[in-house]
Amino acid sequence: FFMPWHGEVRHQTNFKWLAESMSRPPEKTLIGENGAVYRLTRE
């Protein structure tokens, strides 16, 4: 899993696209927001 951080939404989104272009992309990428609670499990 992947979360772009330290940037405005345009920076986070471009990093998401970059990750998705890799030969082994993350299964899921979330664009983080301040105040959101993100739950990470093994799956």
PDB file of all heavy atoms in Angstrom:
ATOM      1  N   PHE A   1       0.853  -1.188   0.000  1.00  0.00           N
ATOM      2  CA  PHE A   1       0.000   0.000   0.000  1.00  0.00           C
ATOM      3  C   PHE A   1       0.890   1.238   0.000  1.00  0.00           C
ATOM      4  O   PHE A   1       2.047   1.193   0.428  1.00  0.00           O
ATOM      5  CB  PHE A   1      -0.926   0.005   1.220  1.00  0.00           C
ATOM      6  CG  PHE A   1      -1.769  -1.230   1.354  1.00  0.00           C
ATOM      7  CD1 PHE A   1      -1.621  -2.083   2.432  1.00  0.00           C
ATOM      8  CD2 PHE A   1      -2.711  -1.547   0.383  1.00  0.00           C
ATOM      9  CE1 PHE A   1      -2.386  -3.219   2.555  1.00  0.00           C
ATOM     10  CE2 PHE A   1      -3.481  -2.701   0.490  1.00  0.00           C
ATOM     11  CZ  PHE A   1      -3.319  -3.536   1.575  1.00  0.00           C
ATOM     12  N   PHE A   2       0.322   2.361  -0.438  1.00  0.00           N
ATOM     13  CA  PHE A   2       1.135   3.568  -0.608  1.00  0.00           C
ATOM     14  C   PHE A   2       0.319   4.799  -0.247  1.00  0.00           C
ATOM     15  O   PHE A   2      -0.872   4.886  -0.563  1.00  0.00           O
ATOM     16  CB  PHE A   2       1.614   3.653  -2.064  1.00  0.00           C
ATOM     17  CG  PHE A   2       2.399   4.897  -2.387  1.00  0.00           C
ATOM     18  CD1 PHE A   2       3.407   5.358  -1.552  1.00  0.00           C
ATOM     19  CD2 PHE A   2       2.134   5.602  -3.555  1.00  0.00           C
ATOM     20  CE1 PHE A   2       4.130   6.499  -1.859  1.00  0.00           C
ATOM     21  CE2 PHE A   2       2.857   6.746  -3.880  1.00  0.00           C
ATOM     22  CZ  PHE A   2       3.850   7.195  -3.020  1.00  0.00           C
ATOM     23  N   MET A   3       0.989   5.753   0.415  1.00  0.00           N
ATOM     24  CA  MET A   3       0.371   7.043   0.729  1.00  0.00           C
ATOM     25  C   MET A   3       1.375   8.167   0.449  1.00  0.00           C
ATOM     26  O   MET A   3       2.351   8.325   1.177  1.00  0.00           O
ATOM     27  CB  MET A   3      -0.087   7.111   2.188  1.00  0.00           C
ATOM     28  CG  MET A   3      -0.659   8.473   2.579  1.00  0.00           C
ATOM     29  SD  MET A   3      -1.230   8.529   4.300  1.00  0.00           S
ATOM     30  CE  MET A   3      -2.809   7.738   4.120  1.00  0.00           C
ATOM     31  N   PRO A   4       1.168   8.959  -0.611  1.00  0.00           N
ATOM     32  CA  PRO A   4       2.019  10.135  -0.842  1.00  0.00           C
ATOM     33  C   PRO A   4       1.760  11.174   0.253  1.00  0.00           C
ATOM     34  O   PRO A   4       0.616  11.399   0.655  1.00  0.00           O
ATOM     35  CB  PRO A   4       1.553  10.657  -2.210  1.00  0.00           C
ATOM     36  CG  PRO A   4       0.758   9.545  -2.812  1.00  0.00           C
ATOM     37  CD  PRO A   4       0.169   8.795  -1.670  1.00  0.00           C
ATOM     38  N   TRP A   5       2.832  11.807   0.716  1.00  0.00           N
ATOM     39  CA  TRP A   5       2.755  12.729   1.851  1.00  0.00           C
ATOM     40  C   TRP A   5       3.618  13.943   1.560  1.00  0.00           C
ATOM     41  O   TRP A   5       4.384  13.960   0.602  1.00  0.00           O
ATOM     42  CB  TRP A   5       3.242  11.963   3.094  1.00  0.00           C
ATOM     43  CG  TRP A   5       3.783  12.792   4.218  1.00  0.00           C
ATOM     44  CD1 TRP A   5       3.068  13.419   5.200  1.00  0.00           C
ATOM     45  CD2 TRP A   5       5.161  13.081   4.493  1.00  0.00           C
ATOM     46  NE1 TRP A   5       3.916  14.085   6.055  1.00  0.00           N
ATOM     47  CE2 TRP A   5       5.217  13.891   5.643  1.00  0.00           C
ATOM     48  CE3 TRP A   5       6.357  12.731   3.859  1.00  0.00           C
ATOM     49  CZ2 TRP A   5       6.409  14.356   6.182  1.00  0.00           C
ATOM     50  CZ3 TRP A   5       7.553  13.190   4.390  1.00  0.00           C
ATOM     51  CH2 TRP A   5       7.571  13.991   5.543  1.00  0.00           C
ATOM     52  N   HIS A   6       3.494  14.998   2.380  1.00  0.00           N
ATOM     53  CA  HIS A   6       4.318  16.200   2.268  1.00  0.00           C
ATOM     54  C   HIS A   6       4.183  16.824   0.888  1.00  0.00           C
ATOM     55  O   HIS A   6       5.136  16.885   0.110  1.00  0.00           O
ATOM     56  CB  HIS A   6       5.788  15.880   2.565  1.00  0.00           C
ATOM     57  CG  HIS A   6       6.601  17.100   2.920  1.00  0.00           C
ATOM     58  ND1 HIS A   6       6.957  18.054   1.994  1.00  0.00           N
ATOM     59  CD2 HIS A   6       7.137  17.522   4.091  1.00  0.00           C
ATOM     60  CE1 HIS A   6       7.681  18.995   2.585  1.00  0.00           C
ATOM     61  NE2 HIS A   6       7.801  18.694   3.868  1.00  0.00           N
ATOM     62  N   GLY A   7       3.007  17.332   0.608  1.00  0.00           N
ATOM     63  CA  GLY A   7       2.789  17.994  -0.666  1.00  0.00           C
ATOM     64  C   GLY A   7       1.343  18.405  -0.810  1.00  0.00           C
ATOM     65  O   GLY A   7       0.464  17.928  -0.080  1.00  0.00           O
ATOM     66  N   GLU A   8       1.115  19.303  -1.754  1.00  0.00           N
ATOM     67  CA  GLU A   8      -0.253  19.664  -2.097  1.00  0.00           C
ATOM     68  C   GLU A   8      -0.880  18.521  -2.875  1.00  0.00           C
ATOM     69  O   GLU A   8      -0.192  17.583  -3.293  1.00  0.00           O
ATOM     70  CB  GLU A   8      -0.247  20.966  -2.897  1.00  0.00           C
ATOM     71  CG  GLU A   8       0.329  22.134  -2.108  1.00  0.00           C
ATOM     72  CD  GLU A   8       0.530  23.387  -2.942  1.00  0.00           C
ATOM     73  OE1 GLU A   8       0.280  23.334  -4.174  1.00  0.00           O
ATOM     74  OE2 GLU A   8       0.956  24.408  -2.373  1.00  0.00           O
ATOM     75  N   VAL A   9      -2.190  18.615  -3.095  1.00  0.00           N
ATOM     76  CA  VAL A   9      -2.911  17.509  -3.737  1.00  0.00           C
ATOM     77  C   VAL A   9      -2.316  17.197  -5.108  1.00  0.00           C
ATOM     78  O   VAL A   9      -2.219  16.036  -5.510  1.00  0.00           O
ATOM     79  CB  VAL A   9      -4.416  17.836  -3.842  1.00  0.00           C
ATOM     80  CG1 VAL A   9      -5.143  16.747  -4.619  1.00  0.00           C
ATOM     81  CG2 VAL A   9      -5.022  17.975  -2.449  1.00  0.00           C
ATOM     82  N   ARG A  10      -1.877  18.220  -5.831  1.00  0.00           N
ATOM     83  CA  ARG A  10      -1.291  17.963  -7.165  1.00  0.00           C
ATOM     84  C   ARG A  10      -0.003  17.152  -7.047  1.00  0.00           C
ATOM     85  O   ARG A  10       0.274  16.299  -7.894  1.00  0.00           O
ATOM     86  CB  ARG A  10      -1.042  19.264  -7.910  1.00  0.00           C
ATOM     87  CG  ARG A  10      -0.041  20.203  -7.262  1.00  0.00           C
ATOM     88  CD  ARG A  10      -0.091  21.592  -7.908  1.00  0.00           C
ATOM     89  NE  ARG A  10       0.834  22.520  -7.274  1.00  0.00           N
ATOM     90  CZ  ARG A  10       1.995  22.882  -7.798  1.00  0.00           C
ATOM     91  NH1 ARG A  10       2.389  22.358  -8.950  1.00  0.00           N
ATOM     92  NH2 ARG A  10       2.767  23.751  -7.187  1.00  0.00           N
ATOM     93  N   HIS A  11       0.785  17.399  -5.998  1.00  0.00           N
ATOM     94  CA  HIS A  11       2.017  16.627  -5.803  1.00  0.00           C
ATOM     95  C   HIS A  11       1.685  15.188  -5.414  1.00  0.00           C
ATOM     96  O   HIS A  11       2.284  14.244  -5.948  1.00  0.00           O
ATOM     97  CB  HIS A  11       2.874  17.262  -4.708  1.00  0.00           C
ATOM     98  CG  HIS A  11       3.175  18.712  -4.930  1.00  0.00           C
ATOM     99  ND1 HIS A  11       2.885  19.691  -4.009  1.00  0.00           N
ATOM    100  CD2 HIS A  11       3.723  19.348  -6.000  1.00  0.00           C
ATOM    101  CE1 HIS A  11       3.258  20.864  -4.481  1.00  0.00           C
ATOM    102  NE2 HIS A  11       3.759  20.692  -5.687  1.00  0.00           N
ATOM    103  N   GLN A  12       0.740  15.031  -4.495  1.00  0.00           N
ATOM    104  CA  GLN A  12       0.341  13.690  -4.077  1.00  0.00           C
ATOM    105  C   GLN A  12      -0.205  12.892  -5.264  1.00  0.00           C
ATOM    106  O   GLN A  12       0.118  11.704  -5.430  1.00  0.00           O
ATOM    107  CB  GLN A  12      -0.735  13.776  -2.985  1.00  0.00           C
ATOM    108  CG  GLN A  12      -0.269  14.384  -1.668  1.00  0.00           C
ATOM    109  CD  GLN A  12      -1.436  14.617  -0.734  1.00  0.00           C
ATOM    110  OE1 GLN A  12      -2.264  15.495  -0.951  1.00  0.00           O
ATOM    111  NE2 GLN A  12      -1.521  13.819   0.315  1.00  0.00           N
ATOM    112  N   THR A  13      -1.025  13.548  -6.075  1.00  0.00           N
ATOM    113  CA  THR A  13      -1.650  12.851  -7.207  1.00  0.00           C
ATOM    114  C   THR A  13      -0.607  12.451  -8.247  1.00  0.00           C
ATOM    115  O   THR A  13      -0.648  11.335  -8.794  1.00  0.00           O
ATOM    116  CB  THR A  13      -2.735  13.737  -7.841  1.00  0.00           C
ATOM    117  OG1 THR A  13      -3.699  14.088  -6.841  1.00  0.00           O
ATOM    118  CG2 THR A  13      -3.419  13.013  -8.986  1.00  0.00           C
ATOM    119  N   ASN A  14       0.339  13.327  -8.525  1.00  0.00           N
ATOM    120  CA  ASN A  14       1.392  12.978  -9.481  1.00  0.00           C
ATOM    121  C   ASN A  14       2.248  11.828  -8.964  1.00  0.00           C
ATOM    122  O   ASN A  14       2.697  10.981  -9.746  1.00  0.00           O
ATOM    123  CB  ASN A  14       2.258  14.197  -9.788  1.00  0.00           C
ATOM    124  CG  ASN A  14       1.676  15.063 -10.896  1.00  0.00           C
ATOM    125  OD1 ASN A  14       1.907  14.807 -12.076  1.00  0.00           O
ATOM    126  ND2 ASN A  14       0.911  16.067 -10.522  1.00  0.00           N
ATOM    127  N   PHE A  15       2.473  11.775  -7.658  1.00  0.00           N
ATOM    128  CA  PHE A  15       3.231  10.667  -7.087  1.00  0.00           C
ATOM    129  C   PHE A  15       2.412   9.372  -7.183  1.00  0.00           C
ATOM    130  O   PHE A  15       2.948   8.297  -7.446  1.00  0.00           O
ATOM    131  CB  PHE A  15       3.594  10.984  -5.638  1.00  0.00           C
ATOM    132  CG  PHE A  15       4.766  10.195  -5.109  1.00  0.00           C
ATOM    133  CD1 PHE A  15       5.249  10.440  -3.829  1.00  0.00           C
ATOM    134  CD2 PHE A  15       5.409   9.213  -5.869  1.00  0.00           C
ATOM    135  CE1 PHE A  15       6.332   9.740  -3.317  1.00  0.00           C
ATOM    136  CE2 PHE A  15       6.497   8.499  -5.369  1.00  0.00           C
ATOM    137  CZ  PHE A  15       6.948   8.761  -4.086  1.00  0.00           C
ATOM    138  N   LYS A  16       1.126   9.470  -6.996  1.00  0.00           N
ATOM    139  CA  LYS A  16       0.242   8.301  -7.158  1.00  0.00           C
ATOM    140  C   LYS A  16       0.354   7.756  -8.580  1.00  0.00           C
ATOM    141  O   LYS A  16       0.516   6.549  -8.791  1.00  0.00           O
ATOM    142  CB  LYS A  16      -1.203   8.694  -6.844  1.00  0.00           C
ATOM    143  CG  LYS A  16      -2.243   7.607  -7.068  1.00  0.00           C
ATOM    144  CD  LYS A  16      -3.627   8.130  -6.681  1.00  0.00           C
ATOM    145  CE  LYS A  16      -4.695   7.049  -6.810  1.00  0.00           C
ATOM    146  NZ  LYS A  16      -5.036   6.747  -8.197  1.00  0.00           N
ATOM    147  N   TRP A  17       0.276   8.656  -9.562  1.00  0.00           N
ATOM    148  CA  TRP A  17       0.390   8.217 -10.962  1.00  0.00           C
ATOM    149  C   TRP A  17       1.759   7.600 -11.230  1.00  0.00           C
ATOM    150  O   TRP A  17       1.870   6.611 -11.959  1.00  0.00           O
ATOM    151  CB  TRP A  17       0.154   9.397 -11.897  1.00  0.00           C
ATOM    152  CG  TRP A  17      -1.250   9.930 -11.872  1.00  0.00           C
ATOM    153  CD1 TRP A  17      -2.362   9.275 -11.420  1.00  0.00           C
ATOM    154  CD2 TRP A  17      -1.676  11.217 -12.301  1.00  0.00           C
ATOM    155  NE1 TRP A  17      -3.469  10.072 -11.546  1.00  0.00           N
ATOM    156  CE2 TRP A  17      -3.084  11.275 -12.088  1.00  0.00           C
ATOM    157  CE3 TRP A  17      -1.035  12.324 -12.839  1.00  0.00           C
ATOM    158  CZ2 TRP A  17      -3.836  12.407 -12.400  1.00  0.00           C
ATOM    159  CZ3 TRP A  17      -1.789  13.448 -13.149  1.00  0.00           C
ATOM    160  CH2 TRP A  17      -3.171  13.490 -12.938  1.00  0.00           C
ATOM    161  N   LEU A  18       2.800   8.199 -10.648  1.00  0.00           N
ATOM    162  CA  LEU A  18       4.148   7.665 -10.820  1.00  0.00           C
ATOM    163  C   LEU A  18       4.233   6.251 -10.259  1.00  0.00           C
ATOM    164  O   LEU A  18       4.788   5.342 -10.898  1.00  0.00           O
ATOM    165  CB  LEU A  18       5.166   8.574 -10.129  1.00  0.00           C
ATOM    166  CG  LEU A  18       6.642   8.241 -10.338  1.00  0.00           C
ATOM    167  CD1 LEU A  18       7.062   8.522 -11.778  1.00  0.00           C
ATOM    168  CD2 LEU A  18       7.512   9.054  -9.373  1.00  0.00           C
ATOM    169  N   ALA A  19       3.668   6.039  -9.073  1.00  0.00           N
ATOM    170  CA  ALA A  19       3.686   4.714  -8.454  1.00  0.00           C
ATOM    171  C   ALA A  19       2.925   3.708  -9.301  1.00  0.00           C
ATOM    172  O   ALA A  19       3.344   2.545  -9.445  1.00  0.00           O
ATOM    173  CB  ALA A  19       3.092   4.792  -7.046  1.00  0.00           C
ATOM    174  N   GLU A  20       1.810   4.136  -9.876  1.00  0.00           N
ATOM    175  CA  GLU A  20       1.001   3.235 -10.690  1.00  0.00           C
ATOM    176  C   GLU A  20       1.670   2.894 -12.012  1.00  0.00           C
ATOM    177  O   GLU A  20       1.301   1.899 -12.652  1.00  0.00           O
ATOM    178  CB  GLU A  20      -0.377   3.863 -10.937  1.00  0.00           C
ATOM    179  CG  GLU A  20      -1.232   3.929  -9.673  1.00  0.00           C
ATOM    180  CD  GLU A  20      -2.499   4.749  -9.839  1.00  0.00           C
ATOM    181  OE1 GLU A  20      -2.617   5.473 -10.866  1.00  0.00           O
ATOM    182  OE2 GLU A  20      -3.379   4.676  -8.953  1.00  0.00           O
ATOM    183  N   SER A  21       2.662   3.692 -12.421  1.00  0.00           N
ATOM    184  CA  SER A  21       3.364   3.420 -13.679  1.00  0.00           C
ATOM    185  C   SER A  21       4.528   2.436 -13.497  1.00  0.00           C
ATOM    186  O   SER A  21       5.127   2.004 -14.489  1.00  0.00           O
ATOM    187  CB  SER A  21       3.925   4.734 -14.252  1.00  0.00           C
ATOM    188  OG  SER A  21       5.045   5.191 -13.492  1.00  0.00           O
ATOM    189  N   MET A  22       4.841   2.081 -12.259  1.00  0.00           N
ATOM    190  CA  MET A  22       5.964   1.194 -12.000  1.00  0.00           C
ATOM    191  C   MET A  22       5.632  -0.226 -12.441  1.00  0.00           C
ATOM    192  O   MET A  22       4.452  -0.600 -12.578  1.00  0.00           O
ATOM    193  CB  MET A  22       6.312   1.203 -10.506  1.00  0.00           C
ATOM    194  CG  MET A  22       6.643   2.579  -9.944  1.00  0.00           C
ATOM    195  SD  MET A  22       8.127   3.311 -10.636  1.00  0.00           S
ATOM    196  CE  MET A  22       9.372   2.269  -9.872  1.00  0.00           C
ATOM    197  N   SER A  23       6.673  -1.032 -12.658  1.00  0.00           N
ATOM    198  CA  SER A  23       6.436  -2.411 -13.094  1.00  0.00           C
ATOM    199  C   SER A  23       5.753  -3.231 -12.001  1.00  0.00           C
ATOM    200  O   SER A  23       5.046  -4.194 -12.294  1.00  0.00           O
ATOM    201  CB  SER A  23       7.765  -3.066 -13.480  1.00  0.00           C
ATOM    202  OG  SER A  23       8.669  -3.049 -12.385  1.00  0.00           O
ATOM    203  N   ARG A  24       5.958  -2.849 -10.748  1.00  0.00           N
ATOM    204  CA  ARG A  24       5.267  -3.522  -9.644  1.00  0.00           C
ATOM    205  C   ARG A  24       4.581  -2.458  -8.796  1.00  0.00           C
ATOM    206  O   ARG A  24       5.074  -2.045  -7.744  1.00  0.00           O
ATOM    207  CB  ARG A  24       6.261  -4.322  -8.807  1.00  0.00           C
ATOM    208  CG  ARG A  24       6.938  -5.440  -9.597  1.00  0.00           C
ATOM    209  CD  ARG A  24       7.861  -6.249  -8.724  1.00  0.00           C
ATOM    210  NE  ARG A  24       7.131  -6.847  -7.606  1.00  0.00           N
ATOM    211  CZ  ARG A  24       7.716  -7.423  -6.562  1.00  0.00           C
ATOM    212  NH1 ARG A  24       9.042  -7.443  -6.484  1.00  0.00           N
ATOM    213  NH2 ARG A  24       7.003  -7.955  -5.602  1.00  0.00           N
ATOM    214  N   PRO A  25       3.432  -1.994  -9.249  1.00  0.00           N
ATOM    215  CA  PRO A  25       2.760  -0.899  -8.537  1.00  0.00           C
ATOM    216  C   PRO A  25       2.137  -1.379  -7.233  1.00  0.00           C
ATOM    217  O   PRO A  25       1.866  -2.576  -7.061  1.00  0.00           O
ATOM    218  CB  PRO A  25       1.669  -0.463  -9.529  1.00  0.00           C
ATOM    219  CG  PRO A  25       1.372  -1.695 -10.311  1.00  0.00           C
ATOM    220  CD  PRO A  25       2.684  -2.423 -10.443  1.00  0.00           C
ATOM    221  N   PRO A  26       1.894  -0.465  -6.297  1.00  0.00           N
ATOM    222  CA  PRO A  26       1.169  -0.833  -5.079  1.00  0.00           C
ATOM    223  C   PRO A  26      -0.242  -1.327  -5.411  1.00  0.00           C
ATOM    224  O   PRO A  26      -0.834  -0.923  -6.420  1.00  0.00           O
ATOM    225  CB  PRO A  26       1.114   0.479  -4.287  1.00  0.00           C
ATOM    226  CG  PRO A  26       2.191   1.331  -4.867  1.00  0.00           C
ATOM    227  CD  PRO A  26       2.299   0.951  -6.302  1.00  0.00           C
ATOM    228  N   GLU A  27      -0.758  -2.186  -4.552  1.00  0.00           N
ATOM    229  CA  GLU A  27      -2.135  -2.649  -4.743  1.00  0.00           C
ATOM    230  C   GLU A  27      -3.121  -1.502  -4.593  1.00  0.00           C
ATOM    231  O   GLU A  27      -4.161  -1.466  -5.258  1.00  0.00           O
ATOM    232  CB  GLU A  27      -2.476  -3.740  -3.719  1.00  0.00           C
ATOM    233  CG  GLU A  27      -1.810  -5.067  -3.966  1.00  0.00           C
ATOM    234  CD  GLU A  27      -2.215  -6.095  -2.922  1.00  0.00           C
ATOM    235  OE1 GLU A  27      -3.241  -5.887  -2.232  1.00  0.00           O
ATOM    236  OE2 GLU A  27      -1.502  -7.107  -2.785  1.00  0.00           O
ATOM    237  N   LYS A  28      -2.807  -0.580  -3.688  1.00  0.00           N
ATOM    238  CA  LYS A  28      -3.742   0.514  -3.422  1.00  0.00           C
ATOM    239  C   LYS A  28      -2.961   1.737  -2.974  1.00  0.00           C
ATOM    240  O   LYS A  28      -2.038   1.639  -2.172  1.00  0.00           O
ATOM    241  CB  LYS A  28      -4.744   0.099  -2.341  1.00  0.00           C
ATOM    242  CG  LYS A  28      -5.848   1.110  -2.075  1.00  0.00           C
ATOM    243  CD  LYS A  28      -6.839   0.543  -1.062  1.00  0.00           C
ATOM    244  CE  LYS A  28      -8.064   1.419  -0.900  1.00  0.00           C
ATOM    245  NZ  LYS A  28      -9.024   0.820   0.070  1.00  0.00           N
ATOM    246  N   THR A  29      -3.345   2.899  -3.505  1.00  0.00           N
ATOM    247  CA  THR A  29      -2.751   4.169  -3.096  1.00  0.00           C
ATOM    248  C   THR A  29      -3.860   5.093  -2.631  1.00  0.00           C
ATOM    249  O   THR A  29      -4.876   5.242  -3.321  1.00  0.00           O
ATOM    250  CB  THR A  29      -1.988   4.833  -4.253  1.00  0.00           C
ATOM    251  OG1 THR A  29      -0.916   3.982  -4.670  1.00  0.00           O
ATOM    252  CG2 THR A  29      -1.422   6.182  -3.828  1.00  0.00           C
ATOM    253  N   LEU A  30      -3.676   5.694  -1.468  1.00  0.00           N
ATOM    254  CA  LEU A  30      -4.644   6.650  -0.945  1.00  0.00           C
ATOM    255  C   LEU A  30      -4.007   8.038  -0.898  1.00  0.00           C
ATOM    256  O   LEU A  30      -2.857   8.183  -0.487  1.00  0.00           O
ATOM    257  CB  LEU A  30      -5.097   6.260   0.455  1.00  0.00           C
ATOM    258  CG  LEU A  30      -5.922   4.983   0.598  1.00  0.00           C
ATOM    259  CD1 LEU A  30      -6.313   4.756   2.061  1.00  0.00           C
ATOM    260  CD2 LEU A  30      -7.174   5.039  -0.273  1.00  0.00           C
ATOM    261  N   ILE A  31      -4.766   9.047  -1.336  1.00  0.00           N
ATOM    262  CA  ILE A  31      -4.329  10.440  -1.219  1.00  0.00           C
ATOM    263  C   ILE A  31      -4.754  10.920   0.164  1.00  0.00           C
ATOM    264  O   ILE A  31      -5.939  11.078   0.449  1.00  0.00           O
ATOM    265  CB  ILE A  31      -4.963  11.321  -2.313  1.00  0.00           C
ATOM    266  CG1 ILE A  31      -4.596  10.789  -3.700  1.00  0.00           C
ATOM    267  CG2 ILE A  31      -4.524  12.774  -2.139  1.00  0.00           C
ATOM    268  CD1 ILE A  31      -3.129  10.829  -4.011  1.00  0.00           C
ATOM    269  N   GLY A  32      -3.773  11.129   1.039  1.00  0.00           N
ATOM    270  CA  GLY A  32      -4.069  11.439   2.429  1.00  0.00           C
ATOM    271  C   GLY A  32      -4.662  12.823   2.626  1.00  0.00           C
ATOM    272  O   GLY A  32      -4.391  13.755   1.879  1.00  0.00           O
ATOM    273  N   GLU A  33      -5.480  12.932   3.684  1.00  0.00           N
ATOM    274  CA  GLU A  33      -6.095  14.198   4.072  1.00  0.00           C
ATOM    275  C   GLU A  33      -5.855  14.414   5.558  1.00  0.00           C
ATOM    276  O   GLU A  33      -5.884  13.472   6.352  1.00  0.00           O
ATOM    277  CB  GLU A  33      -7.609  14.164   3.818  1.00  0.00           C
ATOM    278  CG  GLU A  33      -8.010  13.864   2.393  1.00  0.00           C
ATOM    279  CD  GLU A  33      -9.509  13.596   2.278  1.00  0.00           C
ATOM    280  OE1 GLU A  33     -10.225  13.760   3.304  1.00  0.00           O
ATOM    281  OE2 GLU A  33      -9.966  13.208   1.200  1.00  0.00           O
ATOM    282  N   ASN A  34      -5.655  15.662   5.942  1.00  0.00           N
ATOM    283  CA  ASN A  34      -5.513  15.976   7.355  1.00  0.00           C
ATOM    284  C   ASN A  34      -6.817  15.678   8.094  1.00  0.00           C
ATOM    285  O   ASN A  34      -7.903  16.002   7.619  1.00  0.00           O
ATOM    286  CB  ASN A  34      -5.154  17.450   7.550  1.00  0.00           C
ATOM    287  CG  ASN A  34      -3.772  17.778   7.045  1.00  0.00           C
ATOM    288  OD1 ASN A  34      -2.889  16.927   7.026  1.00  0.00           O
ATOM    289  ND2 ASN A  34      -3.564  19.017   6.633  1.00  0.00           N
ATOM    290  N   GLY A  35      -6.691  15.047   9.252  1.00  0.00           N
ATOM    291  CA  GLY A  35      -7.866  14.739  10.063  1.00  0.00           C
ATOM    292  C   GLY A  35      -8.515  13.408   9.760  1.00  0.00           C
ATOM    293  O   GLY A  35      -9.386  12.963  10.505  1.00  0.00           O
ATOM    294  N   ALA A  36      -8.090  12.743   8.676  1.00  0.00           N
ATOM    295  CA  ALA A  36      -8.648  11.430   8.363  1.00  0.00           C
ATOM    296  C   ALA A  36      -7.967  10.366   9.223  1.00  0.00           C
ATOM    297  O   ALA A  36      -6.804  10.495   9.593  1.00  0.00           O
ATOM    298  CB  ALA A  36      -8.460  11.108   6.887  1.00  0.00           C
ATOM    299  N   VAL A  37      -8.712   9.323   9.549  1.00  0.00           N
ATOM    300  CA  VAL A  37      -8.156   8.170  10.261  1.00  0.00           C
ATOM    301  C   VAL A  37      -8.056   7.025   9.257  1.00  0.00           C
ATOM    302  O   VAL A  37      -9.065   6.598   8.687  1.00  0.00           O
ATOM    303  CB  VAL A  37      -9.045   7.757  11.446  1.00  0.00           C
ATOM    304  CG1 VAL A  37      -8.471   6.523  12.144  1.00  0.00           C
ATOM    305  CG2 VAL A  37      -9.178   8.914  12.438  1.00  0.00           C
ATOM    306  N   TYR A  38      -6.825   6.562   9.026  1.00  0.00           N
ATOM    307  CA  TYR A  38      -6.586   5.482   8.069  1.00  0.00           C
ATOM    308  C   TYR A  38      -6.291   4.198   8.823  1.00  0.00           C
ATOM    309  O   TYR A  38      -5.438   4.177   9.712  1.00  0.00           O
ATOM    310  CB  TYR A  38      -5.429   5.843   7.134  1.00  0.00           C
ATOM    311  CG  TYR A  38      -5.748   7.045   6.283  1.00  0.00           C
ATOM    312  CD1 TYR A  38      -5.368   8.323   6.682  1.00  0.00           C
ATOM    313  CD2 TYR A  38      -6.477   6.916   5.106  1.00  0.00           C
ATOM    314  CE1 TYR A  38      -5.692   9.431   5.918  1.00  0.00           C
ATOM    315  CE2 TYR A  38      -6.806   8.013   4.342  1.00  0.00           C
ATOM    316  CZ  TYR A  38      -6.410   9.273   4.749  1.00  0.00           C
ATOM    317  OH  TYR A  38      -6.743  10.375   3.990  1.00  0.00           O
ATOM    318  N   ARG A  39      -7.009   3.149   8.477  1.00  0.00           N
ATOM    319  CA  ARG A  39      -6.834   1.854   9.135  1.00  0.00           C
ATOM    320  C   ARG A  39      -6.022   0.935   8.229  1.00  0.00           C
ATOM    321  O   ARG A  39      -6.397   0.666   7.080  1.00  0.00           O
ATOM    322  CB  ARG A  39      -8.186   1.226   9.441  1.00  0.00           C
ATOM    323  CG  ARG A  39      -8.079  -0.163  10.077  1.00  0.00           C
ATOM    324  CD  ARG A  39      -9.450  -0.692  10.460  1.00  0.00           C
ATOM    325  NE  ARG A  39     -10.023   0.124  11.530  1.00  0.00           N
ATOM    326  CZ  ARG A  39     -11.287   0.013  11.936  1.00  0.00           C
ATOM    327  NH1 ARG A  39     -12.103  -0.851  11.349  1.00  0.00           N
ATOM    328  NH2 ARG A  39     -11.742   0.773  12.919  1.00  0.00           N
ATOM    329  N   LEU A  40      -4.912   0.446   8.765  1.00  0.00           N
ATOM    330  CA  LEU A  40      -4.019  -0.452   8.033  1.00  0.00           C
ATOM    331  C   LEU A  40      -4.044  -1.817   8.698  1.00  0.00           C
ATOM    332  O   LEU A  40      -3.754  -1.947   9.892  1.00  0.00           O
ATOM    333  CB  LEU A  40      -2.594   0.107   8.061  1.00  0.00           C
ATOM    334  CG  LEU A  40      -1.493  -0.754   7.428  1.00  0.00           C
ATOM    335  CD1 LEU A  40      -1.684  -0.839   5.919  1.00  0.00           C
ATOM    336  CD2 LEU A  40      -0.111  -0.179   7.772  1.00  0.00           C
ATOM    337  N   THR A  41      -4.427  -2.842   7.934  1.00  0.00           N
ATOM    338  CA  THR A  41      -4.364  -4.219   8.408  1.00  0.00           C
ATOM    339  C   THR A  41      -3.397  -4.983   7.506  1.00  0.00           C
ATOM    340  O   THR A  41      -2.832  -4.431   6.570  1.00  0.00           O
ATOM    341  CB  THR A  41      -5.742  -4.896   8.374  1.00  0.00           C
ATOM    342  OG1 THR A  41      -6.098  -5.182   7.005  1.00  0.00           O
ATOM    343  CG2 THR A  41      -6.826  -4.018   8.999  1.00  0.00           C
ATOM    344  N   ARG A  42      -3.243  -6.268   7.782  1.00  0.00           N
ATOM    345  CA  ARG A  42      -2.373  -7.078   6.925  1.00  0.00           C
ATOM    346  C   ARG A  42      -2.886  -7.156   5.493  1.00  0.00           C
ATOM    347  O   ARG A  42      -2.113  -7.363   4.557  1.00  0.00           O
ATOM    348  CB  ARG A  42      -2.265  -8.504   7.491  1.00  0.00           C
ATOM    349  CG  ARG A  42      -1.523  -8.596   8.819  1.00  0.00           C
ATOM    350  CD  ARG A  42      -1.457 -10.062   9.254  1.00  0.00           C
ATOM    351  NE  ARG A  42      -0.667 -10.238  10.473  1.00  0.00           N
ATOM    352  CZ  ARG A  42      -1.179 -10.242  11.695  1.00  0.00           C
ATOM    353  NH1 ARG A  42      -2.485 -10.065  11.864  1.00  0.00           N
ATOM    354  NH2 ARG A  42      -0.408 -10.406  12.747  1.00  0.00           N
ATOM    355  N   GLU A  43      -4.207  -6.968   5.327  1.00  0.00           N
ATOM    356  CA  GLU A  43      -4.817  -7.177   4.010  1.00  0.00           C
ATOM    357  C   GLU A  43      -5.492  -5.944   3.433  1.00  0.00           C
ATOM    358  O   GLU A  43      -5.937  -5.984   2.279  1.00  0.00           O
ATOM    359  CB  GLU A  43      -5.867  -8.308   4.096  1.00  0.00           C
ATOM    360  CG  GLU A  43      -5.343  -9.613   4.655  1.00  0.00           C
ATOM    361  CD  GLU A  43      -4.246 -10.217   3.795  1.00  0.00           C
ATOM    362  OE1 GLU A  43      -4.235  -9.945   2.578  1.00  0.00           O
ATOM    363  OE2 GLU A  43      -3.388 -10.942   4.344  1.00  0.00           O
TER     364      GLU A  43
END
